[in-house]
Amino acid sequence: MPKEWCPFDLRLPELADAGLRTLQVDVTVESSMGHAVARIEAESGSVDVLVNNAGYGLSGTVEEACAEEIREQFETNVFGPTRLIQLVLPGMRRQGSGTIVNLSSIFGRYAVPGGGYYHASKHAIEALSDALRLEVENFGIRVVLVEPGPVLTEFGVPYVKSLQRGEDGPYGDFGTRAAEYYGAIYGRTRRTLAGSLAVGSDDVARVIEQVISSDKPRPRYPVGLLAHTTLGLRRVLSDRLFDRLIVRKRFPVPQPAARAVALATAIKGVSS
C-alpha cells in the first residue's frame, strides 16, 4: 500500500518473539515475492498453505480517483496475490497437495458508493479464485475465499483518509459524510449497526484455521453475522431492491450540491 498511508509498523519482530519464523514480503515487488517463495521451498520443499491477506482499501468516487491510485490498488490487492499464487503452485502440484486461502470481503460480491476500486479488486479476487479452484482441484490443491464484513483493524485508517478529498467538486460533501460513517465503524466514535456487528482479526484467523484444518473446505466462508446476512440478501433480492433496501438505507450516497439542484429545477421550469 502507499507508504504515506501506512498507519502502523510491520509487526514481524513481535511475531518472531512469539516463536514464529518470519519473512518480510512486498507483494508489489517481483523479486521480493520470488525470493520469499524460493527460500521457503529451499528450506521446506514447498509451500503447504498460502494465505493471501495483503491489501488495503482505496476509497472515493469512481470519477475522482486518479490513475496512479487505481494502479496501486490493483498492484497490491490483485496482481501481487496472483503472482504469489503462480509462484507456489508448481511446488504444490509436485507434492500433490496445498491450500490457497484468498482474503476477499463482503464487497467481493456487491459494491457501494465510494468503494468502487477497492470492491472491484475484491470482485477480481473472487473471479480468479473461482477459476483457480476448478483448475487445480484435480492436482490436490484447494482454493478457498474468506469473506468478512468490517474487521476492526488499522484497515480503516487509510480507507477513511482517502475519502477526505475536500468538499469541492460535483459530489459535494459525500466524502466528508462517508469518512464520518466509516470512521464511526473503525474508530468506534459512535454506535452504528455495522460497528456493532464488526468482527475482530481473531475471528477471521479462526475461520482461516478452520479452512486449513478441514479435509474438504467450502469454496466460501463469510465471517460474522453482517456478512452472512447481507450476502444472503444479495442472493435473493434483485439489484434494484438490494440498492434501495440495503445500500441506500445503510451507506452514504452522493447527492448533487444544492445549487446544482436549484439550477436543474430552474432549467426544468423554463423548458416546461
C-alpha atoms as a PDB file:
ATOM      1  CA  MET A   1       0.000   0.000   0.000  1.00  0.00           C
ATOM      2  CA  PRO A   2       1.152   3.602  -0.436  1.00  0.00           C
ATOM      3  CA  LYS A   3       3.761   4.273   2.224  1.00  0.00           C
ATOM      4  CA  GLU A   4       2.262   7.597   3.294  1.00  0.00           C
ATOM      5  CA  TRP A   5      -0.983   5.802   4.176  1.00  0.00           C
ATOM      6  CA  CYS A   6       0.605   3.054   6.265  1.00  0.00           C
ATOM      7  CA  PRO A   7      -0.735   3.636   9.811  1.00  0.00           C
ATOM      8  CA  PHE A   8       1.277   1.008  11.622  1.00  0.00           C
ATOM      9  CA  ASP A   9       4.693  -0.606  11.667  1.00  0.00           C
ATOM     10  CA  LEU A  10       5.174  -4.137  10.423  1.00  0.00           C
ATOM     11  CA  ARG A  11       4.937  -6.314  13.496  1.00  0.00           C
ATOM     12  CA  LEU A  12       7.338  -9.041  12.427  1.00  0.00           C
ATOM     13  CA  PRO A  13       9.582  -8.608  15.493  1.00  0.00           C
ATOM     14  CA  GLU A  14       6.647  -9.308  17.808  1.00  0.00           C
ATOM     15  CA  LEU A  15       5.762 -12.432  15.828  1.00  0.00           C
ATOM     16  CA  ALA A  16       9.386 -13.574  15.947  1.00  0.00           C
ATOM     17  CA  ASP A  17       9.451 -13.044  19.695  1.00  0.00           C
ATOM     18  CA  ALA A  18       6.386 -15.280  19.955  1.00  0.00           C
ATOM     19  CA  GLY A  19       8.346 -18.101  18.311  1.00  0.00           C
ATOM     20  CA  LEU A  20       7.219 -17.773  14.710  1.00  0.00           C
ATOM     21  CA  ARG A  21       9.643 -17.769  11.802  1.00  0.00           C
ATOM     22  CA  THR A  22       9.093 -14.589   9.827  1.00  0.00           C
ATOM     23  CA  LEU A  23       9.970 -13.333   6.366  1.00  0.00           C
ATOM     24  CA  GLN A  24       9.087  -9.870   5.086  1.00  0.00           C
ATOM     25  CA  VAL A  25       7.475  -9.761   1.628  1.00  0.00           C
ATOM     26  CA  ASP A  26       6.409  -6.823  -0.521  1.00  0.00           C
ATOM     27  CA  VAL A  27       3.641  -8.035  -2.849  1.00  0.00           C
ATOM     28  CA  THR A  28       4.281  -5.157  -5.250  1.00  0.00           C
ATOM     29  CA  VAL A  29       7.896  -6.225  -5.881  1.00  0.00           C
ATOM     30  CA  GLU A  30       8.532  -9.302  -8.027  1.00  0.00           C
ATOM     31  CA  SER A  31      11.986 -10.016  -6.574  1.00  0.00           C
ATOM     32  CA  SER A  32      10.654  -9.867  -3.009  1.00  0.00           C
ATOM     33  CA  MET A  33       7.963 -12.446  -3.716  1.00  0.00           C
ATOM     34  CA  GLY A  34      10.284 -14.691  -5.717  1.00  0.00           C
ATOM     35  CA  HIS A  35      12.952 -14.628  -3.003  1.00  0.00           C
ATOM     36  CA  ALA A  36      10.442 -15.492  -0.285  1.00  0.00           C
ATOM     37  CA  VAL A  37       8.965 -18.484  -2.102  1.00  0.00           C
ATOM     38  CA  ALA A  38      12.406 -19.753  -3.175  1.00  0.00           C
ATOM     39  CA  ARG A  39      13.702 -19.548   0.390  1.00  0.00           C
ATOM     40  CA  ILE A  40      10.717 -21.444   1.806  1.00  0.00           C
ATOM     41  CA  GLU A  41      10.972 -24.140  -0.859  1.00  0.00           C
ATOM     42  CA  ALA A  42      14.724 -24.497  -0.266  1.00  0.00           C
ATOM     43  CA  GLU A  43      14.146 -24.972   3.461  1.00  0.00           C
ATOM     44  CA  SER A  44      10.879 -26.939   3.456  1.00  0.00           C
ATOM     45  CA  GLY A  45      10.388 -28.400  -0.011  1.00  0.00           C
ATOM     46  CA  SER A  46       7.227 -26.486  -0.880  1.00  0.00           C
ATOM     47  CA  VAL A  47       4.625 -24.062   0.430  1.00  0.00           C
ATOM     48  CA  ASP A  48       1.810 -26.062   2.045  1.00  0.00           C
ATOM     49  CA  VAL A  49      -0.517 -23.126   2.738  1.00  0.00           C
ATOM     50  CA  LEU A  50      -0.679 -19.674   1.142  1.00  0.00           C
ATOM     51  CA  VAL A  51      -2.916 -17.086   2.839  1.00  0.00           C
ATOM     52  CA  ASN A  52      -3.259 -14.017   0.629  1.00  0.00           C
ATOM     53  CA  ASN A  53      -4.118 -11.335   3.167  1.00  0.00           C
ATOM     54  CA  ALA A  54      -2.119  -8.362   1.842  1.00  0.00           C
ATOM     55  CA  GLY A  55      -4.290  -5.444   0.822  1.00  0.00           C
ATOM     56  CA  TYR A  56      -5.698  -2.031   1.614  1.00  0.00           C
ATOM     57  CA  GLY A  57      -8.791  -0.058   0.657  1.00  0.00           C
ATOM     58  CA  LEU A  58      -8.741   2.838  -1.783  1.00  0.00           C
ATOM     59  CA  SER A  59     -11.917   4.875  -1.305  1.00  0.00           C
ATOM     60  CA  GLY A  60     -13.513   7.716  -3.219  1.00  0.00           C
ATOM     61  CA  THR A  61     -15.801   8.000  -6.206  1.00  0.00           C
ATOM     62  CA  VAL A  62     -15.011   6.294  -9.496  1.00  0.00           C
ATOM     63  CA  GLU A  63     -14.769   9.652 -11.260  1.00  0.00           C
ATOM     64  CA  GLU A  64     -12.361  11.301  -8.827  1.00  0.00           C
ATOM     65  CA  ALA A  65      -9.707   8.607  -8.291  1.00  0.00           C
ATOM     66  CA  CYS A  66      -6.501   9.154 -10.260  1.00  0.00           C
ATOM     67  CA  ALA A  67      -4.862   6.529 -12.456  1.00  0.00           C
ATOM     68  CA  GLU A  68      -1.850   6.113 -10.137  1.00  0.00           C
ATOM     69  CA  GLU A  69      -4.092   5.388  -7.162  1.00  0.00           C
ATOM     70  CA  ILE A  70      -6.063   2.806  -9.151  1.00  0.00           C
ATOM     71  CA  ARG A  71      -2.882   1.056 -10.304  1.00  0.00           C
ATOM     72  CA  GLU A  72      -1.524   0.923  -6.738  1.00  0.00           C
ATOM     73  CA  GLN A  73      -4.798  -0.592  -5.548  1.00  0.00           C
ATOM     74  CA  PHE A  74      -4.702  -3.404  -8.074  1.00  0.00           C
ATOM     75  CA  GLU A  75      -0.945  -3.969  -7.730  1.00  0.00           C
ATOM     76  CA  THR A  76      -1.402  -4.653  -4.021  1.00  0.00           C
ATOM     77  CA  ASN A  77      -4.816  -6.329  -3.906  1.00  0.00           C
ATOM     78  CA  VAL A  78      -4.819  -8.343  -7.137  1.00  0.00           C
ATOM     79  CA  PHE A  79      -1.543  -8.581  -9.053  1.00  0.00           C
ATOM     80  CA  GLY A  80       0.652  -9.296  -6.017  1.00  0.00           C
ATOM     81  CA  PRO A  81      -1.518 -12.103  -4.609  1.00  0.00           C
ATOM     82  CA  THR A  82      -1.958 -13.538  -8.090  1.00  0.00           C
ATOM     83  CA  ARG A  83       1.810 -13.645  -8.624  1.00  0.00           C
ATOM     84  CA  LEU A  84       2.316 -15.377  -5.277  1.00  0.00           C
ATOM     85  CA  ILE A  85      -0.214 -17.995  -6.359  1.00  0.00           C
ATOM     86  CA  GLN A  86       1.710 -18.547  -9.588  1.00  0.00           C
ATOM     87  CA  LEU A  87       4.963 -18.942  -7.650  1.00  0.00           C
ATOM     88  CA  VAL A  88       3.687 -21.515  -5.130  1.00  0.00           C
ATOM     89  CA  LEU A  89       1.609 -23.658  -7.495  1.00  0.00           C
ATOM     90  CA  PRO A  90       4.467 -25.652  -9.100  1.00  0.00           C
ATOM     91  CA  GLY A  91       5.626 -26.873  -5.678  1.00  0.00           C
ATOM     92  CA  MET A  92       2.082 -27.679  -4.581  1.00  0.00           C
ATOM     93  CA  ARG A  93       1.498 -29.658  -7.773  1.00  0.00           C
ATOM     94  CA  ARG A  94       4.734 -31.607  -7.282  1.00  0.00           C
ATOM     95  CA  GLN A  95       3.683 -32.721  -3.809  1.00  0.00           C
ATOM     96  CA  GLY A  96       0.051 -33.253  -4.823  1.00  0.00           C
ATOM     97  CA  SER A  97      -1.437 -31.053  -2.112  1.00  0.00           C
ATOM     98  CA  GLY A  98      -1.776 -27.490  -0.886  1.00  0.00           C
ATOM     99  CA  THR A  99      -4.262 -24.889   0.289  1.00  0.00           C
ATOM    100  CA  ILE A 100      -4.659 -21.349  -1.037  1.00  0.00           C
ATOM    101  CA  VAL A 101      -6.792 -19.016   1.076  1.00  0.00           C
ATOM    102  CA  ASN A 102      -7.683 -15.708  -0.533  1.00  0.00           C
ATOM    103  CA  LEU A 103      -8.994 -12.944   1.712  1.00  0.00           C
ATOM    104  CA  SER A 104     -11.916 -11.276  -0.021  1.00  0.00           C
ATOM    105  CA  SER A 105     -14.740  -9.274   1.566  1.00  0.00           C
ATOM    106  CA  ILE A 106     -18.494  -8.889   1.548  1.00  0.00           C
ATOM    107  CA  PHE A 107     -17.650  -6.273  -1.079  1.00  0.00           C
ATOM    108  CA  GLY A 108     -16.322  -9.029  -3.297  1.00  0.00           C
ATOM    109  CA  ARG A 109     -19.969  -9.771  -4.064  1.00  0.00           C
ATOM    110  CA  TYR A 110     -21.555  -6.324  -4.121  1.00  0.00           C
ATOM    111  CA  ALA A 111     -20.400  -2.718  -4.125  1.00  0.00           C
ATOM    112  CA  VAL A 112     -21.409   0.596  -2.554  1.00  0.00           C
ATOM    113  CA  PRO A 113     -20.676   4.256  -3.388  1.00  0.00           C
ATOM    114  CA  GLY A 114     -17.170   5.429  -2.589  1.00  0.00           C
ATOM    115  CA  GLY A 115     -15.545   1.997  -2.726  1.00  0.00           C
ATOM    116  CA  GLY A 116     -15.694   1.078  -6.395  1.00  0.00           C
ATOM    117  CA  TYR A 117     -11.996   0.379  -6.955  1.00  0.00           C
ATOM    118  CA  TYR A 118     -11.450  -1.470  -3.677  1.00  0.00           C
ATOM    119  CA  HIS A 119     -14.578  -3.509  -4.302  1.00  0.00           C
ATOM    120  CA  ALA A 120     -13.505  -4.169  -7.894  1.00  0.00           C
ATOM    121  CA  SER A 121     -10.221  -5.587  -6.590  1.00  0.00           C
ATOM    122  CA  LYS A 122     -12.168  -7.970  -4.356  1.00  0.00           C
ATOM    123  CA  HIS A 123     -14.509  -8.919  -7.200  1.00  0.00           C
ATOM    124  CA  ALA A 124     -11.367  -9.768  -9.186  1.00  0.00           C
ATOM    125  CA  ILE A 125     -10.053 -11.993  -6.385  1.00  0.00           C
ATOM    126  CA  GLU A 126     -13.418 -13.775  -6.265  1.00  0.00           C
ATOM    127  CA  ALA A 127     -13.395 -14.472 -10.007  1.00  0.00           C
ATOM    128  CA  LEU A 128      -9.760 -15.602 -10.021  1.00  0.00           C
ATOM    129  CA  SER A 129     -10.424 -17.911  -7.069  1.00  0.00           C
ATOM    130  CA  ASP A 130     -13.453 -19.487  -8.742  1.00  0.00           C
ATOM    131  CA  ALA A 131     -11.466 -20.210 -11.897  1.00  0.00           C
ATOM    132  CA  LEU A 132      -8.388 -21.384  -9.994  1.00  0.00           C
ATOM    133  CA  ARG A 133     -10.385 -23.709  -7.739  1.00  0.00           C
ATOM    134  CA  LEU A 134     -11.519 -25.690 -10.779  1.00  0.00           C
ATOM    135  CA  GLU A 135      -8.118 -25.551 -12.483  1.00  0.00           C
ATOM    136  CA  VAL A 136      -6.132 -27.080  -9.612  1.00  0.00           C
ATOM    137  CA  GLU A 137      -8.665 -29.262  -7.793  1.00  0.00           C
ATOM    138  CA  ASN A 138      -7.554 -32.434  -9.578  1.00  0.00           C
ATOM    139  CA  PHE A 139      -3.937 -31.726  -8.527  1.00  0.00           C
ATOM    140  CA  GLY A 140      -4.988 -31.994  -4.873  1.00  0.00           C
ATOM    141  CA  ILE A 141      -4.908 -28.220  -4.293  1.00  0.00           C
ATOM    142  CA  ARG A 142      -7.750 -26.441  -2.504  1.00  0.00           C
ATOM    143  CA  VAL A 143      -8.735 -22.812  -3.104  1.00  0.00           C
ATOM    144  CA  VAL A 144     -10.953 -21.014  -0.596  1.00  0.00           C
ATOM    145  CA  LEU A 145     -12.337 -17.490  -0.262  1.00  0.00           C
ATOM    146  CA  VAL A 146     -12.810 -15.878   3.155  1.00  0.00           C
ATOM    147  CA  GLU A 147     -15.345 -13.017   3.108  1.00  0.00           C
ATOM    148  CA  PRO A 148     -15.542 -10.884   6.260  1.00  0.00           C
ATOM    149  CA  GLY A 149     -17.594  -7.787   6.838  1.00  0.00           C
ATOM    150  CA  PRO A 150     -15.867  -4.870   8.605  1.00  0.00           C
ATOM    151  CA  VAL A 151     -12.863  -6.030  10.646  1.00  0.00           C
ATOM    152  CA  LEU A 152     -11.667  -3.834  13.492  1.00  0.00           C
ATOM    153  CA  THR A 153      -8.050  -3.357  12.450  1.00  0.00           C
ATOM    154  CA  GLU A 154      -5.972  -0.426  11.160  1.00  0.00           C
ATOM    155  CA  PHE A 155      -7.528  -1.054   7.715  1.00  0.00           C
ATOM    156  CA  GLY A 156      -9.950   1.788   8.366  1.00  0.00           C
ATOM    157  CA  VAL A 157      -7.230   4.449   8.700  1.00  0.00           C
ATOM    158  CA  PRO A 158      -6.169   4.667   5.010  1.00  0.00           C
ATOM    159  CA  TYR A 159      -9.729   3.985   3.869  1.00  0.00           C
ATOM    160  CA  VAL A 160     -11.110   6.965   5.786  1.00  0.00           C
ATOM    161  CA  LYS A 161      -8.147   9.156   4.840  1.00  0.00           C
ATOM    162  CA  SER A 162      -8.599   8.591   1.110  1.00  0.00           C
ATOM    163  CA  LEU A 163     -12.239   9.696   1.421  1.00  0.00           C
ATOM    164  CA  GLN A 164     -11.199  13.076   2.767  1.00  0.00           C
ATOM    165  CA  ARG A 165     -10.649  14.880  -0.536  1.00  0.00           C
ATOM    166  CA  GLY A 166     -12.442  18.092   0.395  1.00  0.00           C
ATOM    167  CA  GLU A 167     -15.998  19.256  -0.224  1.00  0.00           C
ATOM    168  CA  ASP A 168     -15.441  20.884  -3.611  1.00  0.00           C
ATOM    169  CA  GLY A 169     -16.449  19.169  -6.827  1.00  0.00           C
ATOM    170  CA  PRO A 170     -19.562  17.525  -8.223  1.00  0.00           C
ATOM    171  CA  TYR A 171     -20.038  15.163  -5.279  1.00  0.00           C
ATOM    172  CA  GLY A 172     -20.354  17.888  -2.657  1.00  0.00           C
ATOM    173  CA  ASP A 173     -19.873  16.689   0.892  1.00  0.00           C
ATOM    174  CA  PHE A 174     -20.140  12.975   0.089  1.00  0.00           C
ATOM    175  CA  GLY A 175     -16.505  12.310   1.030  1.00  0.00           C
ATOM    176  CA  THR A 176     -16.947  14.054   4.388  1.00  0.00           C
ATOM    177  CA  ARG A 177     -20.113  12.129   5.173  1.00  0.00           C
ATOM    178  CA  ALA A 178     -18.589   8.826   4.077  1.00  0.00           C
ATOM    179  CA  ALA A 179     -15.423   9.464   6.117  1.00  0.00           C
ATOM    180  CA  GLU A 180     -17.554  10.113   9.190  1.00  0.00           C
ATOM    181  CA  TYR A 181     -19.584   6.959   8.538  1.00  0.00           C
ATOM    182  CA  TYR A 182     -16.576   4.655   8.194  1.00  0.00           C
ATOM    183  CA  GLY A 183     -14.675   6.485  10.921  1.00  0.00           C
ATOM    184  CA  ALA A 184     -17.528   5.669  13.298  1.00  0.00           C
ATOM    185  CA  ILE A 185     -17.249   1.973  12.389  1.00  0.00           C
ATOM    186  CA  TYR A 186     -13.487   1.558  12.668  1.00  0.00           C
ATOM    187  CA  GLY A 187     -12.839   4.217  15.306  1.00  0.00           C
ATOM    188  CA  ARG A 188     -15.950   3.475  17.377  1.00  0.00           C
ATOM    189  CA  THR A 189     -16.627   7.214  17.601  1.00  0.00           C
ATOM    190  CA  ARG A 190     -20.352   6.499  17.846  1.00  0.00           C
ATOM    191  CA  ARG A 191     -22.612   3.467  17.881  1.00  0.00           C
ATOM    192  CA  THR A 192     -23.560   2.098  14.439  1.00  0.00           C
ATOM    193  CA  LEU A 193     -25.096  -1.163  13.277  1.00  0.00           C
ATOM    194  CA  ALA A 194     -22.055  -2.039  11.158  1.00  0.00           C
ATOM    195  CA  GLY A 195     -19.708  -1.151  14.011  1.00  0.00           C
ATOM    196  CA  SER A 196     -21.689  -3.263  16.458  1.00  0.00           C
ATOM    197  CA  LEU A 197     -21.538  -6.240  14.098  1.00  0.00           C
ATOM    198  CA  ALA A 198     -17.884  -5.776  13.094  1.00  0.00           C
ATOM    199  CA  VAL A 199     -15.578  -8.709  13.772  1.00  0.00           C
ATOM    200  CA  GLY A 200     -12.036  -8.830  15.117  1.00  0.00           C
ATOM    201  CA  SER A 201      -8.913 -10.127  13.429  1.00  0.00           C
ATOM    202  CA  ASP A 202      -9.027 -13.164  15.725  1.00  0.00           C
ATOM    203  CA  ASP A 203     -12.454 -14.063  14.307  1.00  0.00           C
ATOM    204  CA  VAL A 204     -11.026 -14.072  10.797  1.00  0.00           C
ATOM    205  CA  ALA A 205      -7.956 -16.019  11.929  1.00  0.00           C
ATOM    206  CA  ARG A 206     -10.149 -18.716  13.468  1.00  0.00           C
ATOM    207  CA  VAL A 207     -12.012 -19.157  10.188  1.00  0.00           C
ATOM    208  CA  ILE A 208      -8.713 -19.427   8.289  1.00  0.00           C
ATOM    209  CA  GLU A 209      -7.571 -22.065  10.802  1.00  0.00           C
ATOM    210  CA  GLN A 210     -10.827 -23.929  10.215  1.00  0.00           C
ATOM    211  CA  VAL A 211     -10.260 -23.829   6.455  1.00  0.00           C
ATOM    212  CA  ILE A 212      -6.699 -25.123   6.736  1.00  0.00           C
ATOM    213  CA  SER A 213      -7.732 -27.923   9.123  1.00  0.00           C
ATOM    214  CA  SER A 214     -10.709 -29.095   7.062  1.00  0.00           C
ATOM    215  CA  ASP A 215     -10.400 -32.143   4.827  1.00  0.00           C
ATOM    216  CA  LYS A 216     -12.981 -30.696   2.451  1.00  0.00           C
ATOM    217  CA  PRO A 217     -13.367 -26.925   2.919  1.00  0.00           C
ATOM    218  CA  ARG A 218     -16.211 -24.999   1.321  1.00  0.00           C
ATOM    219  CA  PRO A 219     -15.398 -22.604  -1.545  1.00  0.00           C
ATOM    220  CA  ARG A 220     -16.506 -19.564   0.526  1.00  0.00           C
ATOM    221  CA  TYR A 221     -16.563 -18.642   4.211  1.00  0.00           C
ATOM    222  CA  PRO A 222     -18.415 -15.449   5.179  1.00  0.00           C
ATOM    223  CA  VAL A 223     -17.206 -14.163   8.551  1.00  0.00           C
ATOM    224  CA  GLY A 224     -19.602 -12.530  11.010  1.00  0.00           C
ATOM    225  CA  LEU A 225     -23.349 -12.019  11.238  1.00  0.00           C
ATOM    226  CA  LEU A 226     -23.256  -8.952   8.996  1.00  0.00           C
ATOM    227  CA  ALA A 227     -21.517 -10.886   6.231  1.00  0.00           C
ATOM    228  CA  HIS A 228     -23.906 -13.837   6.427  1.00  0.00           C
ATOM    229  CA  THR A 229     -26.960 -11.547   6.460  1.00  0.00           C
ATOM    230  CA  THR A 230     -26.026  -9.140   3.674  1.00  0.00           C
ATOM    231  CA  LEU A 231     -24.666 -11.854   1.375  1.00  0.00           C
ATOM    232  CA  GLY A 232     -27.834 -13.867   1.952  1.00  0.00           C
ATOM    233  CA  LEU A 233     -29.953 -10.865   0.986  1.00  0.00           C
ATOM    234  CA  ARG A 234     -27.743 -10.240  -2.056  1.00  0.00           C
ATOM    235  CA  ARG A 235     -28.581 -13.723  -3.320  1.00  0.00           C
ATOM    236  CA  VAL A 236     -32.362 -13.321  -3.070  1.00  0.00           C
ATOM    237  CA  LEU A 237     -33.017  -9.641  -3.820  1.00  0.00           C
ATOM    238  CA  SER A 238     -32.978  -8.036  -7.243  1.00  0.00           C
ATOM    239  CA  ASP A 239     -30.296  -5.430  -7.943  1.00  0.00           C
ATOM    240  CA  ARG A 240     -32.685  -2.505  -7.607  1.00  0.00           C
ATOM    241  CA  LEU A 241     -34.311  -3.866  -4.457  1.00  0.00           C
ATOM    242  CA  PHE A 242     -30.914  -4.518  -2.872  1.00  0.00           C
ATOM    243  CA  ASP A 243     -29.841  -0.974  -3.770  1.00  0.00           C
ATOM    244  CA  ARG A 244     -32.966   0.511  -2.223  1.00  0.00           C
ATOM    245  CA  LEU A 245     -33.250  -1.600   0.921  1.00  0.00           C
ATOM    246  CA  ILE A 246     -29.579  -2.120   1.793  1.00  0.00           C
ATOM    247  CA  VAL A 247     -27.226   0.287   0.062  1.00  0.00           C
ATOM    248  CA  ARG A 248     -29.284   3.489   0.121  1.00  0.00           C
ATOM    249  CA  LYS A 249     -30.572   2.792   3.629  1.00  0.00           C
ATOM    250  CA  ARG A 250     -27.221   1.927   5.212  1.00  0.00           C
ATOM    251  CA  PHE A 251     -24.466   3.699   3.256  1.00  0.00           C
ATOM    252  CA  PRO A 252     -23.769   7.335   2.328  1.00  0.00           C
ATOM    253  CA  VAL A 253     -24.799   8.094  -1.256  1.00  0.00           C
ATOM    254  CA  PRO A 254     -23.643  11.177  -3.227  1.00  0.00           C
ATOM    255  CA  GLN A 255     -26.190  13.961  -3.589  1.00  0.00           C
ATOM    256  CA  PRO A 256     -25.956  16.888  -6.014  1.00  0.00           C
ATOM    257  CA  ALA A 257     -24.925  20.182  -4.441  1.00  0.00           C
ATOM    258  CA  ALA A 258     -27.842  22.446  -3.521  1.00  0.00           C
ATOM    259  CA  ARG A 259     -27.016  24.932  -6.268  1.00  0.00           C
ATOM    260  CA  ALA A 260     -26.956  22.127  -8.855  1.00  0.00           C
ATOM    261  CA  VAL A 261     -30.403  21.030  -7.707  1.00  0.00           C
ATOM    262  CA  ALA A 262     -31.692  24.623  -7.891  1.00  0.00           C
ATOM    263  CA  LEU A 263     -30.238  25.069 -11.389  1.00  0.00           C
ATOM    264  CA  ALA A 264     -31.737  21.820 -12.599  1.00  0.00           C
ATOM    265  CA  THR A 265     -35.108  22.843 -11.184  1.00  0.00           C
ATOM    266  CA  ALA A 266     -34.913  26.267 -12.877  1.00  0.00           C
ATOM    267  CA  ILE A 267     -33.973  24.731 -16.227  1.00  0.00           C
ATOM    268  CA  LYS A 268     -36.799  22.248 -15.961  1.00  0.00           C
ATOM    269  CA  GLY A 269     -39.237  25.109 -15.192  1.00  0.00           C
ATOM    270  CA  VAL A 270     -38.098  27.088 -18.247  1.00  0.00           C
ATOM    271  CA  SER A 271     -38.299  24.112 -20.571  1.00  0.00           C
ATOM    272  CA  SER A 272     -41.792  23.206 -19.405  1.00  0.00           C
END
